[in-house]
């Protein structure tokens, strides 16, 4: 019987995981993951005379971000001119980001949101690669306010009178992707060594609505019930350029104008709907700018700006400007 007990005890001891073996397995998994990411990170699909990957596995950045929406409306109906200049509250956040071999994550903090002073909602998504890049945003706001004029009347539209829901998207294709790098300007996951530019092709979308709120009706029972729906899809082409100065400075500017091929704008006032002209002149412009300064191969700082401007002309001319600005400092380890 004692042999049976010894056999069972031996089997149990063999079944207990060895801590050294577990650590070895974890190290093998980490090494494999690091190897795959490293191979992907340094995969050469670009001209290294113009674009290179920075050395170091880990990149850390601190960013200050600010964004907003601005609307300008002009019109002349039945001999009466009207105009409105409206804007939302600025959104300001501080974010801390980390990138390991091109895989990034970030955490953003909005101090005004924490204090209850900022009640809007905004979501931004940006993707930059050698060939393709994408900027997308969704903004929901009840802080659209500004000055309005109609005929001899002029006044100020306060906050919480209008509710805004707006989505913007711009996608680019870079033709000279071997020598021109968007990530060098906007994510610093590449370094532009020599000046280069590229022709661009892309699409733009803008969709959403602006409508009066219940708060406005409570303050002014005679205010009309207005719902403006916006839906624009455009295609076009443009150009971008990265200018390298003294091997430390990088200046970037690009523009992508798109012509609207699909127009689903309409407005409803007190239940009466009016559709926009499908072939009215409409365009969406996308602009980007950046400046990056490399103190050394390890430390860098800079600022970026992205804007999406729409222009559509029916009975009234409307210009919407969605913008986002960032300032950052970073280091590579």
Protein backbone atom coordinates (compact mmCIF):
# COMPACT_ATOMS: atom_id res chain seq x y z
CA UNK A 1 0.00 0.00 0.00
CA UNK A 2 2.85 2.36 0.81
CA UNK A 3 4.01 2.01 -2.81
CA UNK A 4 0.59 3.19 -3.98
CA UNK A 5 0.80 6.23 -1.69
CA UNK A 6 4.27 7.02 -2.98
CA UNK A 7 3.06 6.76 -6.57
CA UNK A 8 0.12 9.13 -5.91
CA UNK A 9 2.34 11.61 -4.08
CA UNK A 10 4.84 11.54 -6.95
CA UNK A 11 2.09 12.19 -9.49
CA UNK A 12 0.80 15.15 -7.47
CA UNK A 13 4.28 16.65 -7.23
CA UNK A 14 4.73 16.37 -10.99
CA UNK A 15 1.36 18.04 -11.53
CA UNK A 16 2.32 21.12 -9.48
CA UNK A 17 3.50 23.87 -11.93
CA UNK A 18 7.13 24.76 -11.62
CA UNK A 19 7.52 28.51 -10.99
CA UNK A 20 10.71 28.61 -13.02
CA UNK A 21 9.01 26.91 -15.98
CA UNK A 22 6.09 29.39 -15.77
CA UNK A 23 8.47 32.33 -15.79
CA UNK A 24 10.34 30.82 -18.71
CA UNK A 25 7.09 30.41 -20.65
CA UNK A 26 6.10 34.04 -19.98
CA UNK A 27 9.50 35.21 -21.13
CA UNK A 28 9.16 33.19 -24.33
CA UNK A 29 5.74 34.70 -25.04
CA UNK A 30 7.01 38.24 -24.42
CA UNK A 31 10.05 37.58 -26.60
CA UNK A 32 7.84 36.24 -29.40
CA UNK A 33 5.46 39.21 -29.24
CA UNK A 34 8.39 41.64 -29.19
CA UNK A 35 9.95 39.86 -32.17
CA UNK A 36 6.74 40.09 -34.22
CA UNK A 37 6.24 43.77 -33.35
CA UNK A 38 9.90 44.56 -34.10
CA UNK A 39 9.76 42.82 -37.49
CA UNK A 40 6.57 44.72 -38.34
CA UNK A 41 8.00 48.00 -37.04
CA UNK A 42 11.16 47.84 -39.15
CA UNK A 43 9.56 46.34 -42.24
CA UNK A 44 10.96 48.46 -45.08
CA UNK A 45 8.31 49.69 -47.51
CA UNK A 46 9.82 53.16 -47.84
CA UNK A 47 12.93 54.88 -49.15
CA UNK A 48 15.31 55.09 -46.18
CA UNK A 49 17.07 58.05 -47.79
CA UNK A 50 13.89 60.03 -47.04
CA UNK A 51 12.05 58.21 -44.24
CA UNK A 52 13.34 56.08 -41.33
CA UNK A 53 12.00 54.53 -38.16
CA UNK A 54 13.25 56.11 -34.91
CA UNK A 55 15.38 54.01 -32.62
CA UNK A 56 13.99 52.88 -29.28
CA UNK A 57 11.15 50.57 -28.39
CA UNK A 58 8.97 52.90 -26.34
CA UNK A 59 7.74 56.42 -27.12
CA UNK A 60 6.05 58.51 -24.40
CA UNK A 61 4.12 61.74 -25.10
CA UNK A 62 2.20 64.37 -23.15
CA UNK A 63 -0.33 66.33 -25.24
CA UNK A 64 -2.54 69.36 -24.75
CA UNK A 65 -5.58 69.12 -27.06
CA UNK A 66 -8.23 71.67 -27.97
CA UNK A 67 -11.11 71.44 -30.47
CA UNK A 68 -14.28 73.22 -31.48
CA UNK A 69 -17.00 73.81 -34.09
CA UNK A 70 -17.76 77.11 -35.86
CA UNK A 71 -20.70 77.91 -38.17
CA UNK A 72 -21.16 80.93 -40.46
CA UNK A 73 -24.52 81.35 -42.19
CA UNK A 74 -25.39 83.98 -44.81
CA UNK A 75 -28.62 84.34 -46.76
CA UNK A 76 -30.91 86.69 -48.65
CA UNK A 77 -34.57 85.68 -48.84
CA UNK A 78 -37.37 87.90 -50.16
CA UNK A 79 -35.05 90.90 -50.01
CA UNK A 80 -34.23 90.34 -46.33
CA UNK A 81 -30.62 89.52 -45.51
CA UNK A 82 -29.73 87.23 -42.63
CA UNK A 83 -26.51 86.05 -41.06
CA UNK A 84 -25.37 84.09 -38.03
CA UNK A 85 -21.94 83.42 -36.53
CA UNK A 86 -22.16 80.52 -34.08
CA UNK A 87 -19.62 78.42 -32.21
CA UNK A 88 -19.54 75.71 -29.55
CA UNK A 89 -17.56 75.67 -26.33
CA UNK A 90 -13.95 74.66 -26.80
CA UNK A 91 -12.99 71.21 -25.59
CA UNK A 92 -9.62 71.12 -23.81
CA UNK A 93 -7.98 67.90 -22.65
CA UNK A 94 -4.59 66.72 -21.41
CA UNK A 95 -3.51 63.27 -22.55
CA UNK A 96 -0.65 60.90 -21.79
CA UNK A 97 0.22 58.40 -24.50
CA UNK A 98 2.60 55.50 -24.98
CA UNK A 99 3.63 53.70 -28.15
CA UNK A 100 5.53 50.41 -28.19
CA UNK A 101 6.87 49.43 -31.61
CA UNK A 102 4.03 51.31 -33.31
CA UNK A 103 1.21 50.03 -31.06
CA UNK A 104 -0.24 53.03 -29.18
CA UNK A 105 -2.56 53.77 -26.29
CA UNK A 106 -3.49 57.03 -24.56
CA UNK A 107 -5.43 58.35 -21.59
CA UNK A 108 -7.09 61.79 -21.79
CA UNK A 109 -8.36 63.99 -18.95
CA UNK A 110 -10.78 66.90 -19.39
CA UNK A 111 -10.46 69.23 -16.35
CA UNK A 112 -13.60 71.21 -17.32
CA UNK A 113 -15.59 67.97 -17.59
CA UNK A 114 -14.47 66.92 -14.13
CA UNK A 115 -15.66 70.27 -12.73
CA UNK A 116 -19.00 70.01 -14.56
CA UNK A 117 -18.24 73.09 -16.69
CA UNK A 118 -18.09 71.15 -19.98
CA UNK A 119 -21.25 69.20 -20.82
CA UNK A 120 -20.74 68.47 -24.51
CA UNK A 121 -19.52 65.13 -25.85
CA UNK A 122 -16.82 64.64 -28.47
CA UNK A 123 -15.09 61.56 -29.87
CA UNK A 124 -12.01 61.73 -32.14
CA UNK A 125 -10.25 58.96 -34.04
CA UNK A 126 -7.04 59.36 -36.03
CA UNK A 127 -5.10 56.74 -38.00
CA UNK A 128 -1.90 57.44 -39.90
CA UNK A 129 0.08 54.96 -41.96
CA UNK A 130 2.45 55.21 -44.91
CA UNK A 131 -0.27 54.93 -47.55
CA UNK A 132 -3.55 55.65 -45.80
CA UNK A 133 -4.65 58.10 -43.15
CA UNK A 134 -7.98 58.83 -41.51
CA UNK A 135 -9.42 61.58 -39.32
CA UNK A 136 -12.90 61.08 -37.86
CA UNK A 137 -14.86 62.90 -35.19
CA UNK A 138 -18.33 62.99 -33.65
CA UNK A 139 -19.50 66.05 -31.73
CA UNK A 140 -22.69 66.41 -29.69
CA UNK A 141 -23.23 69.86 -28.23
CA UNK A 142 -25.85 72.11 -26.62
CA UNK A 143 -23.47 75.09 -26.33
CA UNK A 144 -23.85 76.43 -29.87
CA UNK A 145 -24.23 80.20 -29.44
CA UNK A 146 -23.37 83.49 -31.11
CA UNK A 147 -24.62 86.61 -32.87
CA UNK A 148 -27.53 86.57 -35.33
CA UNK A 149 -28.91 89.26 -37.64
CA UNK A 150 -32.07 89.38 -39.75
CA UNK A 151 -33.03 92.57 -41.51
CA UNK A 152 -32.89 95.38 -38.93
CA UNK A 153 -32.82 92.92 -36.03
CA UNK A 154 -29.61 91.87 -34.32
CA UNK A 155 -29.23 89.81 -31.19
CA UNK A 156 -27.36 87.10 -29.38
CA UNK A 157 -28.39 83.46 -29.30
CA UNK A 158 -27.51 82.02 -25.90
CA UNK A 159 -26.37 78.51 -25.06
CA UNK A 160 -28.78 75.57 -24.83
CA UNK A 161 -31.00 77.06 -27.52
CA UNK A 162 -29.69 74.73 -30.24
CA UNK A 163 -28.64 71.09 -30.17
CA UNK A 164 -25.83 70.03 -32.49
CA UNK A 165 -24.92 66.51 -33.62
CA UNK A 166 -22.18 66.37 -36.22
CA UNK A 167 -19.85 63.73 -37.67
CA UNK A 168 -16.84 64.51 -39.86
CA UNK A 169 -14.59 62.08 -41.72
CA UNK A 170 -11.64 62.53 -44.06
CA UNK A 171 -9.65 59.66 -45.57
CA UNK A 172 -6.47 60.11 -47.63
CA UNK A 173 -4.39 57.93 -49.97
CA UNK A 174 -0.73 58.95 -50.35
CA UNK A 175 0.76 58.22 -53.78
CA UNK A 176 4.41 58.98 -52.92
CA UNK A 177 4.27 56.92 -49.72
CA UNK A 178 7.87 55.71 -50.06
CA UNK A 179 9.29 59.22 -49.59
CA UNK A 180 6.53 61.24 -47.90
CA UNK A 181 5.32 60.34 -44.40
CA UNK A 182 2.18 61.57 -42.64
CA UNK A 183 3.12 59.69 -39.42
CA UNK A 184 6.39 61.64 -39.24
CA UNK A 185 4.37 64.84 -38.82
CA UNK A 186 1.44 63.60 -36.73
CA UNK A 187 2.51 60.57 -34.66
CA UNK A 188 6.35 60.73 -34.78
CA UNK A 189 6.44 56.98 -35.47
CA UNK A 190 8.65 57.82 -38.48
CA UNK A 191 11.30 60.46 -39.06
CA UNK A 192 11.36 62.47 -42.29
CA UNK A 193 15.04 62.85 -43.19
CA UNK A 194 14.72 64.81 -46.45
CA UNK A 195 11.99 67.08 -47.80
CA UNK A 196 9.36 65.40 -49.95
CA UNK A 197 5.76 65.84 -51.07
CA UNK A 198 2.97 63.73 -52.50
CA UNK A 199 -0.27 63.98 -54.42
CA UNK A 200 -3.28 62.82 -52.45
CA UNK A 201 -6.64 61.26 -53.24
CA UNK A 202 -9.44 61.03 -50.74
CA UNK A 203 -13.03 61.18 -49.62
CA UNK A 204 -14.84 63.41 -47.14
CA UNK A 205 -18.10 63.02 -45.27
CA UNK A 206 -20.05 65.40 -43.12
CA UNK A 207 -23.37 64.49 -41.54
CA UNK A 208 -25.52 65.54 -38.64
CA UNK A 209 -28.25 67.87 -37.50
CA UNK A 210 -28.93 71.20 -35.81
CA UNK A 211 -32.27 71.61 -34.07
CA UNK A 212 -33.94 73.88 -31.54
CA UNK A 213 -34.21 72.62 -27.97
CA UNK A 214 -37.04 72.50 -25.45
CA UNK A 215 -35.14 75.05 -23.35
CA UNK A 216 -35.41 77.60 -26.17
CA UNK A 217 -39.17 77.03 -26.47
CA UNK A 218 -39.55 77.53 -22.73
CA UNK A 219 -37.65 80.82 -22.85
CA UNK A 220 -39.31 82.00 -26.05
CA UNK A 221 -42.67 80.31 -26.86
CA UNK A 222 -42.78 82.12 -30.24
CA UNK A 223 -39.48 80.62 -31.42
CA UNK A 224 -39.88 78.38 -34.47
CA UNK A 225 -39.29 74.64 -34.28
CA UNK A 226 -36.27 74.16 -36.60
CA UNK A 227 -34.45 70.99 -37.64
CA UNK A 228 -31.58 71.24 -40.14
CA UNK A 229 -30.23 67.92 -41.45
CA UNK A 230 -26.81 67.80 -43.13
CA UNK A 231 -25.49 64.94 -45.25
CA UNK A 232 -22.57 65.51 -47.63
CA UNK A 233 -20.19 63.06 -49.34
CA UNK A 234 -17.29 64.31 -51.45
CA UNK A 235 -14.35 62.96 -53.44
CA UNK A 236 -11.28 64.83 -54.60
CA UNK A 237 -7.53 65.19 -54.63
CA UNK A 238 -4.88 67.41 -53.11
CA UNK A 239 -1.24 67.72 -52.15
CA UNK A 240 0.90 67.43 -49.03
CA UNK A 241 4.50 68.42 -48.31
CA UNK A 242 7.03 67.70 -45.55
CA UNK A 243 9.77 70.31 -45.37
CA UNK A 244 12.89 69.35 -43.38
CA UNK A 245 15.02 72.21 -42.08
CA UNK A 246 18.50 71.83 -40.55
CA UNK A 247 17.76 68.14 -39.84
CA UNK A 248 15.83 69.11 -36.69
CA UNK A 249 12.73 70.94 -37.91
CA UNK A 250 9.85 69.37 -39.81
CA UNK A 251 7.12 71.59 -41.28
CA UNK A 252 4.05 69.97 -42.80
CA UNK A 253 1.08 71.31 -44.73
CA UNK A 254 -1.53 69.49 -46.81
CA UNK A 255 -4.88 70.26 -48.34
CA UNK A 256 -7.54 67.97 -49.81
CA UNK A 257 -10.49 69.75 -51.48
CA UNK A 258 -13.38 67.43 -52.32
CA UNK A 259 -16.42 68.04 -54.52
CA UNK A 260 -19.74 66.92 -53.08
CA UNK A 261 -21.27 64.11 -55.14
CA UNK A 262 -24.05 63.30 -52.69
CA UNK A 263 -26.16 65.96 -51.00
CA UNK A 264 -28.92 65.04 -48.56
CA UNK A 265 -29.41 68.39 -46.86
CA UNK A 266 -32.90 69.42 -45.80
CA UNK A 267 -34.54 71.74 -43.31
CA UNK A 268 -37.84 71.45 -41.45
CA UNK A 269 -39.46 74.53 -39.90
CA UNK A 270 -42.62 74.03 -37.83
CA UNK A 271 -43.25 70.70 -39.54
CA UNK A 272 -42.73 71.98 -43.11
CA UNK A 273 -39.82 70.27 -44.85
CA UNK A 274 -37.69 71.82 -47.57
CA UNK A 275 -35.05 69.79 -49.45
CA UNK A 276 -31.78 71.24 -50.69
CA UNK A 277 -30.91 71.41 -54.36
CA UNK A 278 -28.95 68.27 -55.23
CA UNK A 279 -26.69 70.03 -57.71
CA UNK A 280 -25.97 73.17 -55.74
CA UNK A 281 -22.26 74.08 -55.47
CA UNK A 282 -20.92 72.31 -52.38
CA UNK A 283 -17.38 71.45 -51.29
CA UNK A 284 -15.55 70.06 -48.28
CA UNK A 285 -11.98 71.17 -47.62
CA UNK A 286 -9.58 69.28 -45.35
CA UNK A 287 -6.42 71.02 -44.17
CA UNK A 288 -3.59 69.78 -41.98
CA UNK A 289 -0.51 71.50 -40.60
CA UNK A 290 2.25 70.43 -38.23
CA UNK A 291 5.60 71.53 -36.87
CA UNK A 292 7.99 69.10 -35.13
CA UNK A 293 11.34 69.90 -33.53
CA UNK A 294 13.80 67.15 -32.61
CA UNK A 295 16.04 68.28 -29.75
CA UNK A 296 17.93 65.01 -30.16
CA UNK A 297 17.15 61.50 -31.40
CA UNK A 298 15.52 60.97 -28.00
CA UNK A 299 13.52 64.16 -27.26
CA UNK A 300 11.06 66.05 -29.47
CA UNK A 301 8.19 68.55 -29.31
CA UNK A 302 5.69 70.11 -31.70
CA UNK A 303 2.14 71.08 -32.59
CA UNK A 304 -0.48 69.93 -35.10
CA UNK A 305 -3.69 71.36 -36.55
CA UNK A 306 -6.44 69.58 -38.49
CA UNK A 307 -9.49 71.31 -39.97
CA UNK A 308 -12.53 70.31 -41.99
CA UNK A 309 -14.41 73.13 -43.73
CA UNK A 310 -17.64 72.61 -45.62
CA UNK A 311 -19.26 75.08 -47.97
CA UNK A 312 -22.72 74.56 -49.42
CA UNK A 313 -24.92 77.08 -51.20
CA UNK A 314 -28.68 76.72 -51.52
CA UNK A 315 -31.00 79.54 -50.51
CA UNK A 316 -28.41 80.29 -47.82
CA UNK A 317 -24.64 79.88 -47.74
CA UNK A 318 -23.39 77.77 -44.85
CA UNK A 319 -19.76 77.26 -43.81
CA UNK A 320 -18.88 74.79 -41.07
CA UNK A 321 -15.37 74.61 -39.63
CA UNK A 322 -14.41 71.68 -37.42
CA UNK A 323 -10.91 72.04 -35.99
CA UNK A 324 -8.56 70.30 -33.56
CA UNK A 325 -5.18 71.61 -32.34
CA UNK A 326 -2.53 69.76 -30.35
CA UNK A 327 0.74 70.63 -28.67
CA UNK A 328 3.03 67.85 -27.44
CA UNK A 329 6.38 66.90 -25.95
CA UNK A 330 7.79 63.40 -26.06
CA UNK A 331 10.73 61.10 -25.50
CA UNK A 332 11.92 57.78 -26.90
CA UNK A 333 13.34 55.01 -24.72
